[in-house]
PDB file of all heavy atoms in Angstrom:
ATOM      1  N   PHE A   1       0.853  -1.230   0.016  1.00  0.00           N
ATOM      2  CA  PHE A   1      -0.017  -0.034   0.024  1.00  0.00           C
ATOM      3  C   PHE A   1       0.937   1.230  -0.040  1.00  0.00           C
ATOM      4  O   PHE A   1       1.696   1.444   0.853  1.00  0.00           O
ATOM      5  CB  PHE A   1      -0.907  -0.025   1.169  1.00  0.00           C
ATOM      6  CG  PHE A   1      -1.770   1.201   1.344  1.00  0.00           C
ATOM      7  CD1 PHE A   1      -2.600   1.585   0.391  1.00  0.00           C
ATOM      8  CD2 PHE A   1      -1.702   1.964   2.639  1.00  0.00           C
ATOM      9  CE1 PHE A   1      -3.459   2.693   0.499  1.00  0.00           C
ATOM     10  CE2 PHE A   1      -2.633   2.963   2.761  1.00  0.00           C
ATOM     11  CZ  PHE A   1      -3.419   3.376   1.698  1.00  0.00           C
ATOM     12  N   THR A   2       0.714   2.113  -0.979  1.00  0.00           N
ATOM     13  CA  THR A   2       1.433   3.343  -1.061  1.00  0.00           C
ATOM     14  C   THR A   2       0.438   4.413  -1.074  1.00  0.00           C
ATOM     15  O   THR A   2      -0.132   4.778  -2.104  1.00  0.00           O
ATOM     16  CB  THR A   2       2.309   3.388  -2.324  1.00  0.00           C
ATOM     17  OG1 THR A   2       3.194   2.295  -2.399  1.00  0.00           O
ATOM     18  CG2 THR A   2       3.225   4.697  -2.381  1.00  0.00           C
ATOM     19  N   PRO A   3       0.080   5.043   0.106  1.00  0.00           N
ATOM     20  CA  PRO A   3      -1.016   6.010   0.174  1.00  0.00           C
ATOM     21  C   PRO A   3      -0.583   7.289  -0.660  1.00  0.00           C
ATOM     22  O   PRO A   3       0.532   7.610  -0.739  1.00  0.00           O
ATOM     23  CB  PRO A   3      -1.051   6.420   1.571  1.00  0.00           C
ATOM     24  CG  PRO A   3      -0.070   5.582   2.339  1.00  0.00           C
ATOM     25  CD  PRO A   3       0.662   4.744   1.389  1.00  0.00           C
ATOM     26  N   GLN A   4      -1.702   7.887  -1.167  1.00  0.00           N
ATOM     27  CA  GLN A   4      -1.477   9.131  -1.856  1.00  0.00           C
ATOM     28  C   GLN A   4      -2.161  10.254  -1.021  1.00  0.00           C
ATOM     29  O   GLN A   4      -2.952   9.978  -0.118  1.00  0.00           O
ATOM     30  CB  GLN A   4      -2.100   9.092  -3.251  1.00  0.00           C
ATOM     31  CG  GLN A   4      -1.503   7.982  -4.072  1.00  0.00           C
ATOM     32  CD  GLN A   4      -0.037   8.164  -4.314  1.00  0.00           C
ATOM     33  OE1 GLN A   4       0.405   9.297  -4.798  1.00  0.00           O
ATOM     34  NE2 GLN A   4       0.762   7.192  -4.085  1.00  0.00           N
ATOM     35  N   LEU A   5      -1.936  11.558  -1.377  1.00  0.00           N
ATOM     36  CA  LEU A   5      -2.605  12.648  -0.683  1.00  0.00           C
ATOM     37  C   LEU A   5      -4.165  12.453  -0.708  1.00  0.00           C
ATOM     38  O   LEU A   5      -4.742  12.085  -1.726  1.00  0.00           O
ATOM     39  CB  LEU A   5      -2.245  14.024  -1.307  1.00  0.00           C
ATOM     40  CG  LEU A   5      -0.907  14.509  -1.046  1.00  0.00           C
ATOM     41  CD1 LEU A   5      -0.663  15.870  -1.820  1.00  0.00           C
ATOM     42  CD2 LEU A   5      -0.674  14.827   0.428  1.00  0.00           C
ATOM     43  N   GLY A   6      -4.717  12.611   0.414  1.00  0.00           N
ATOM     44  CA  GLY A   6      -6.220  12.464   0.554  1.00  0.00           C
ATOM     45  C   GLY A   6      -6.718  11.137   0.835  1.00  0.00           C
ATOM     46  O   GLY A   6      -7.827  10.933   1.116  1.00  0.00           O
ATOM     47  N   ASP A   7      -5.808  10.107   0.763  1.00  0.00           N
ATOM     48  CA  ASP A   7      -6.210   8.752   1.047  1.00  0.00           C
ATOM     49  C   ASP A   7      -6.490   8.574   2.433  1.00  0.00           C
ATOM     50  O   ASP A   7      -5.851   9.237   3.258  1.00  0.00           O
ATOM     51  CB  ASP A   7      -5.200   7.713   0.581  1.00  0.00           C
ATOM     52  CG  ASP A   7      -5.153   7.493  -0.905  1.00  0.00           C
ATOM     53  OD1 ASP A   7      -5.964   8.004  -1.617  1.00  0.00           O
ATOM     54  OD2 ASP A   7      -4.192   6.746  -1.318  1.00  0.00           O
ATOM     55  N   LEU A   8      -7.477   7.693   2.838  1.00  0.00           N
ATOM     56  CA  LEU A   8      -7.650   7.295   4.109  1.00  0.00           C
ATOM     57  C   LEU A   8      -6.708   6.088   4.482  1.00  0.00           C
ATOM     58  O   LEU A   8      -6.577   5.180   3.608  1.00  0.00           O
ATOM     59  CB  LEU A   8      -9.109   6.832   4.447  1.00  0.00           C
ATOM     60  CG  LEU A   8     -10.141   7.928   4.590  1.00  0.00           C
ATOM     61  CD1 LEU A   8     -11.565   7.229   4.700  1.00  0.00           C
ATOM     62  CD2 LEU A   8      -9.844   8.749   5.823  1.00  0.00           C
ATOM     63  N   ALA A   9      -6.065   6.055   5.600  1.00  0.00           N
ATOM     64  CA  ALA A   9      -5.129   5.028   5.922  1.00  0.00           C
ATOM     65  C   ALA A   9      -5.334   4.646   7.337  1.00  0.00           C
ATOM     66  O   ALA A   9      -5.634   5.550   8.212  1.00  0.00           O
ATOM     67  CB  ALA A   9      -3.744   5.389   5.648  1.00  0.00           C
ATOM     68  N   THR A  10      -5.209   3.389   7.698  1.00  0.00           N
ATOM     69  CA  THR A  10      -5.225   2.865   9.075  1.00  0.00           C
ATOM     70  C   THR A  10      -3.691   2.729   9.572  1.00  0.00           C
ATOM     71  O   THR A  10      -2.941   2.119   8.760  1.00  0.00           O
ATOM     72  CB  THR A  10      -5.894   1.517   9.160  1.00  0.00           C
ATOM     73  OG1 THR A  10      -7.174   1.620   8.724  1.00  0.00           O
ATOM     74  CG2 THR A  10      -5.864   0.943  10.559  1.00  0.00           C
ATOM     75  N   ASP A  11      -3.382   3.360  10.711  1.00  0.00           N
ATOM     76  CA  ASP A  11      -2.059   3.255  11.153  1.00  0.00           C
ATOM     77  C   ASP A  11      -1.889   2.288  12.231  1.00  0.00           C
ATOM     78  O   ASP A  11      -2.414   2.493  13.348  1.00  0.00           O
ATOM     79  CB  ASP A  11      -1.624   4.693  11.611  1.00  0.00           C
ATOM     80  CG  ASP A  11      -0.156   4.729  11.870  1.00  0.00           C
ATOM     81  OD1 ASP A  11       0.517   3.730  11.964  1.00  0.00           O
ATOM     82  OD2 ASP A  11       0.375   5.892  12.071  1.00  0.00           O
ATOM     83  N   THR A  12      -1.277   1.190  11.933  1.00  0.00           N
ATOM     84  CA  THR A  12      -1.200   0.059  12.891  1.00  0.00           C
ATOM     85  C   THR A  12      -0.196   0.451  14.117  1.00  0.00           C
ATOM     86  O   THR A  12      -0.356  -0.157  15.212  1.00  0.00           O
ATOM     87  CB  THR A  12      -0.596  -1.234  12.273  1.00  0.00           C
ATOM     88  OG1 THR A  12       0.666  -0.999  11.826  1.00  0.00           O
ATOM     89  CG2 THR A  12      -1.630  -1.619  11.167  1.00  0.00           C
ATOM     90  N   ALA A  13       0.665   1.450  13.914  1.00  0.00           N
ATOM     91  CA  ALA A  13       1.466   1.863  15.029  1.00  0.00           C
ATOM     92  C   ALA A  13       0.717   2.701  15.961  1.00  0.00           C
ATOM     93  O   ALA A  13       1.242   3.056  17.104  1.00  0.00           O
ATOM     94  CB  ALA A  13       2.705   2.606  14.449  1.00  0.00           C
ATOM     95  N   HIS A  14      -0.442   3.194  15.614  1.00  0.00           N
ATOM     96  CA  HIS A  14      -1.367   4.026  16.471  1.00  0.00           C
ATOM     97  C   HIS A  14      -2.660   3.341  16.803  1.00  0.00           C
ATOM     98  O   HIS A  14      -3.657   3.994  16.642  1.00  0.00           O
ATOM     99  CB  HIS A  14      -1.491   5.413  15.883  1.00  0.00           C
ATOM    100  CG  HIS A  14      -0.259   6.285  15.938  1.00  0.00           C
ATOM    101  ND1 HIS A  14       0.701   6.242  14.928  1.00  0.00           N
ATOM    102  CD2 HIS A  14       0.237   7.152  16.858  1.00  0.00           C
ATOM    103  CE1 HIS A  14       1.641   7.102  15.286  1.00  0.00           C
ATOM    104  NE2 HIS A  14       1.426   7.641  16.370  1.00  0.00           N
ATOM    105  N   SER A  15      -2.545   2.121  17.187  1.00  0.00           N
ATOM    106  CA  SER A  15      -3.763   1.305  17.516  1.00  0.00           C
ATOM    107  C   SER A  15      -4.803   1.333  16.516  1.00  0.00           C
ATOM    108  O   SER A  15      -6.081   1.485  16.774  1.00  0.00           O
ATOM    109  CB  SER A  15      -4.268   1.910  18.799  1.00  0.00           C
ATOM    110  OG  SER A  15      -3.369   1.876  19.907  1.00  0.00           O
ATOM    111  N   GLY A  16      -4.498   1.284  15.190  1.00  0.00           N
ATOM    112  CA  GLY A  16      -5.420   1.266  14.101  1.00  0.00           C
ATOM    113  C   GLY A  16      -6.197   2.527  13.860  1.00  0.00           C
ATOM    114  O   GLY A  16      -7.171   2.529  13.251  1.00  0.00           O
ATOM    115  N   ARG A  17      -5.565   3.611  14.329  1.00  0.00           N
ATOM    116  CA  ARG A  17      -6.200   4.930  14.182  1.00  0.00           C
ATOM    117  C   ARG A  17      -6.324   5.158  12.596  1.00  0.00           C
ATOM    118  O   ARG A  17      -5.449   4.925  11.825  1.00  0.00           O
ATOM    119  CB  ARG A  17      -5.355   5.964  14.811  1.00  0.00           C
ATOM    120  CG  ARG A  17      -5.882   7.312  14.888  1.00  0.00           C
ATOM    121  CD  ARG A  17      -4.947   8.177  15.821  1.00  0.00           C
ATOM    122  NE  ARG A  17      -5.448   9.464  15.866  1.00  0.00           N
ATOM    123  CZ  ARG A  17      -4.722  10.490  16.366  1.00  0.00           C
ATOM    124  NH1 ARG A  17      -3.608  10.364  16.822  1.00  0.00           N
ATOM    125  NH2 ARG A  17      -5.264  11.731  16.404  1.00  0.00           N
ATOM    126  N   VAL A  18      -7.396   5.806  12.175  1.00  0.00           N
ATOM    127  CA  VAL A  18      -7.648   6.075  10.741  1.00  0.00           C
ATOM    128  C   VAL A  18      -7.312   7.562  10.611  1.00  0.00           C
ATOM    129  O   VAL A  18      -7.868   8.476  11.327  1.00  0.00           O
ATOM    130  CB  VAL A  18      -9.062   5.817  10.433  1.00  0.00           C
ATOM    131  CG1 VAL A  18      -9.389   6.328   8.894  1.00  0.00           C
ATOM    132  CG2 VAL A  18      -9.271   4.282  10.415  1.00  0.00           C
ATOM    133  N   GLY A  19      -6.649   7.909   9.553  1.00  0.00           N
ATOM    134  CA  GLY A  19      -6.354   9.263   9.211  1.00  0.00           C
ATOM    135  C   GLY A  19      -6.357   9.523   7.738  1.00  0.00           C
ATOM    136  O   GLY A  19      -6.254   8.618   6.900  1.00  0.00           O
ATOM    137  N   VAL A  20      -6.452  10.846   7.363  1.00  0.00           N
ATOM    138  CA  VAL A  20      -6.305  11.225   6.044  1.00  0.00           C
ATOM    139  C   VAL A  20      -4.879  11.648   5.746  1.00  0.00           C
ATOM    140  O   VAL A  20      -4.277  12.289   6.625  1.00  0.00           O
ATOM    141  CB  VAL A  20      -7.173  12.497   5.732  1.00  0.00           C
ATOM    142  CG1 VAL A  20      -7.073  12.941   4.317  1.00  0.00           C
ATOM    143  CG2 VAL A  20      -8.699  12.132   6.100  1.00  0.00           C
ATOM    144  N   VAL A  21      -4.268  11.125   4.728  1.00  0.00           N
ATOM    145  CA  VAL A  21      -2.865  11.452   4.332  1.00  0.00           C
ATOM    146  C   VAL A  21      -2.849  12.973   3.877  1.00  0.00           C
ATOM    147  O   VAL A  21      -3.462  13.311   2.893  1.00  0.00           O
ATOM    148  CB  VAL A  21      -2.300  10.566   3.315  1.00  0.00           C
ATOM    149  CG1 VAL A  21      -0.937  11.047   2.886  1.00  0.00           C
ATOM    150  CG2 VAL A  21      -2.306   9.095   3.717  1.00  0.00           C
ATOM    151  N   VAL A  22      -2.138  13.755   4.639  1.00  0.00           N
ATOM    152  CA  VAL A  22      -2.092  15.257   4.295  1.00  0.00           C
ATOM    153  C   VAL A  22      -0.695  15.599   3.849  1.00  0.00           C
ATOM    154  O   VAL A  22      -0.596  16.725   3.217  1.00  0.00           O
ATOM    155  CB  VAL A  22      -2.538  16.059   5.548  1.00  0.00           C
ATOM    156  CG1 VAL A  22      -3.984  15.852   5.844  1.00  0.00           C
ATOM    157  CG2 VAL A  22      -1.735  15.920   6.741  1.00  0.00           C
ATOM    158  N   THR A  23       0.376  14.811   4.089  1.00  0.00           N
ATOM    159  CA  THR A  23       1.674  15.151   3.540  1.00  0.00           C
ATOM    160  C   THR A  23       2.328  13.783   3.227  1.00  0.00           C
ATOM    161  O   THR A  23       2.332  12.851   4.009  1.00  0.00           O
ATOM    162  CB  THR A  23       2.487  15.900   4.574  1.00  0.00           C
ATOM    163  OG1 THR A  23       1.798  17.026   4.967  1.00  0.00           O
ATOM    164  CG2 THR A  23       3.791  16.284   3.999  1.00  0.00           C
ATOM    165  N   LEU A  24       3.005  13.812   2.100  1.00  0.00           N
ATOM    166  CA  LEU A  24       3.782  12.563   1.664  1.00  0.00           C
ATOM    167  C   LEU A  24       5.239  12.804   1.961  1.00  0.00           C
ATOM    168  O   LEU A  24       5.663  13.917   1.934  1.00  0.00           O
ATOM    169  CB  LEU A  24       3.521  12.434   0.162  1.00  0.00           C
ATOM    170  CG  LEU A  24       2.121  12.125  -0.328  1.00  0.00           C
ATOM    171  CD1 LEU A  24       2.127  12.152  -1.924  1.00  0.00           C
ATOM    172  CD2 LEU A  24       1.601  10.831   0.245  1.00  0.00           C
ATOM    173  N   PRO A  25       5.937  11.683   2.109  1.00  0.00           N
ATOM    174  CA  PRO A  25       7.371  11.816   2.318  1.00  0.00           C
ATOM    175  C   PRO A  25       7.898  12.512   1.110  1.00  0.00           C
ATOM    176  O   PRO A  25       7.698  12.111  -0.099  1.00  0.00           O
ATOM    177  CB  PRO A  25       7.887  10.365   2.461  1.00  0.00           C
ATOM    178  CG  PRO A  25       6.635   9.612   2.822  1.00  0.00           C
ATOM    179  CD  PRO A  25       5.509  10.380   2.267  1.00  0.00           C
ATOM    180  N   GLY A  26       8.960  13.474   1.282  1.00  0.00           N
ATOM    181  CA  GLY A  26       9.499  14.091   0.113  1.00  0.00           C
ATOM    182  C   GLY A  26       8.857  15.404  -0.325  1.00  0.00           C
ATOM    183  O   GLY A  26       9.356  16.230  -0.997  1.00  0.00           O
TER     184      GLY A  26
END
């Protein structure tokens, strides 16, 4: 999975918290 700006993602390192990708690496 390579999220893009605006995608919803579940972060397993934060107890499955769901967030909108607002900044990409780089």
